[in-house]
Structure formats: structure tokens, C-alpha cells
Amino acid sequence: MLSLAGGREQVSVEGRTVREVIANLNRAHNGFRDRLCRDDKLKPTIAVVVDGEISSLGMRQKVSLESEVQFLPAMSGG
């Protein structure tokens, strides 16, 4: 995803939910949504972390202006 963000590891966008953050990321850096989402949900291979906590709410997770949101490969297995 670094290529979509011009090589930067961090970018700033606003949003009140993960859904809004993704929409704003995609506006600023076209292609993010396709990498993160299928239909209107996060891909099952993507986990979202908000302020250091893995979210079980996915796109509905609320965020604040100060929140740090990370998108990581989801862990699976046992």
C-alpha cells in the first residue's frame, strides 16, 4: 500500500468511522478501497486496529480525530 500513498508509511485523513476513513483515504489516494474492501465490507484478509485495539466492528468502528487507524493482514490459524 506504500505505492498508493506515494511511499509514505503514514497519511492523515478525517473520518468518524473506519468506513469514512477508508472513503477519505480512497479520495486522497485512489485504490485504497479496492485493496481493503470487498463489496461494502473489509476483506476477510484485513484486520483494522484503532488506537492499538483490534476492532471486531470493522467498518462501523468509531474513531476520533486523534485516533490512529492501521490496516493489517488478518491472522488466522491455530
Protein backbone atom coordinates (compact mmCIF):
# COMPACT_ATOMS: atom_id res chain seq x y z
CA MET A 1 0.00 0.00 0.00
CA LEU A 2 3.02 2.24 0.23
CA SER A 3 2.84 2.72 -3.52
CA LEU A 4 -0.72 4.07 -3.22
CA ALA A 5 0.40 6.61 -0.61
CA GLY A 6 3.38 7.87 -2.56
CA GLY A 7 5.81 5.78 -0.49
CA ARG A 8 4.65 7.19 2.84
CA GLU A 9 4.02 4.84 5.77
CA GLN A 10 1.52 7.22 7.37
CA VAL A 11 -1.11 9.50 5.90
CA SER A 12 -3.73 11.66 7.61
CA VAL A 13 -7.40 11.73 6.73
CA GLU A 14 -10.52 12.55 8.70
CA GLY A 15 -13.47 10.34 9.50
CA ARG A 16 -15.81 9.41 12.32
CA THR A 17 -15.87 5.72 11.43
CA VAL A 18 -13.49 3.32 9.71
CA ARG A 19 -15.86 3.45 6.71
CA GLU A 20 -15.37 7.23 6.44
CA VAL A 21 -11.61 6.90 6.92
CA ILE A 22 -11.44 4.40 4.05
CA ALA A 23 -13.61 6.62 1.83
CA ASN A 24 -11.37 9.63 2.53
CA LEU A 25 -8.21 7.56 2.04
CA ASN A 26 -9.55 6.46 -1.33
CA ARG A 27 -10.34 10.06 -2.34
CA ALA A 28 -6.82 11.15 -1.44
CA HIS A 29 -5.05 8.04 -2.74
CA ASN A 30 -7.12 6.23 -5.34
CA GLY A 31 -7.09 2.44 -4.97
CA PHE A 32 -7.10 2.07 -1.18
CA ARG A 33 -10.71 0.95 -1.03
CA ASP A 34 -10.12 -1.84 -3.57
CA ARG A 35 -7.17 -3.12 -1.53
CA LEU A 36 -9.09 -3.08 1.76
CA CYS A 37 -12.71 -3.86 0.87
CA ARG A 38 -14.89 -6.30 -0.99
CA ASP A 39 -18.40 -5.05 -1.65
CA ASP A 40 -19.14 -2.87 1.39
CA LYS A 41 -17.09 -4.85 3.95
CA LEU A 42 -13.47 -5.21 4.90
CA LYS A 43 -11.87 -8.15 3.12
CA PRO A 44 -11.56 -11.16 5.45
CA THR A 45 -7.79 -10.95 5.00
CA ILE A 46 -7.68 -7.42 6.54
CA ALA A 47 -7.80 -6.54 10.23
CA VAL A 48 -8.38 -2.99 11.42
CA VAL A 49 -6.64 -1.68 14.54
CA VAL A 50 -7.86 1.55 16.13
CA ASP A 51 -5.69 3.12 18.81
CA GLY A 52 -3.88 -0.17 19.37
CA GLU A 53 -7.02 -2.31 19.71
CA ILE A 54 -8.12 -4.83 17.08
CA SER A 55 -11.68 -3.94 16.13
CA SER A 56 -14.43 -6.52 15.81
CA LEU A 57 -16.78 -3.85 14.40
CA GLY A 58 -14.88 -3.42 11.14
CA MET A 59 -16.24 -0.56 9.01
CA ARG A 60 -18.64 0.55 11.78
CA GLN A 61 -15.85 1.15 14.31
CA LYS A 62 -15.98 4.73 15.54
CA VAL A 63 -12.80 6.81 15.50
CA SER A 64 -11.87 10.25 16.82
CA LEU A 65 -9.83 12.99 15.21
CA GLU A 66 -6.84 11.84 17.27
CA SER A 67 -7.25 8.12 16.51
CA GLU A 68 -4.57 6.08 14.79
CA VAL A 69 -6.04 3.54 12.39
CA GLN A 70 -3.98 0.68 10.99
CA PHE A 71 -4.90 -1.91 8.39
CA LEU A 72 -3.04 -5.17 8.81
CA PRO A 73 -3.15 -8.67 7.33
CA ALA A 74 -5.59 -10.68 9.45
CA MET A 75 -4.08 -13.51 11.48
CA SER A 76 -5.61 -16.95 11.23
CA GLY A 77 -4.81 -20.49 12.13
CA GLY A 78 -4.43 -22.23 15.40
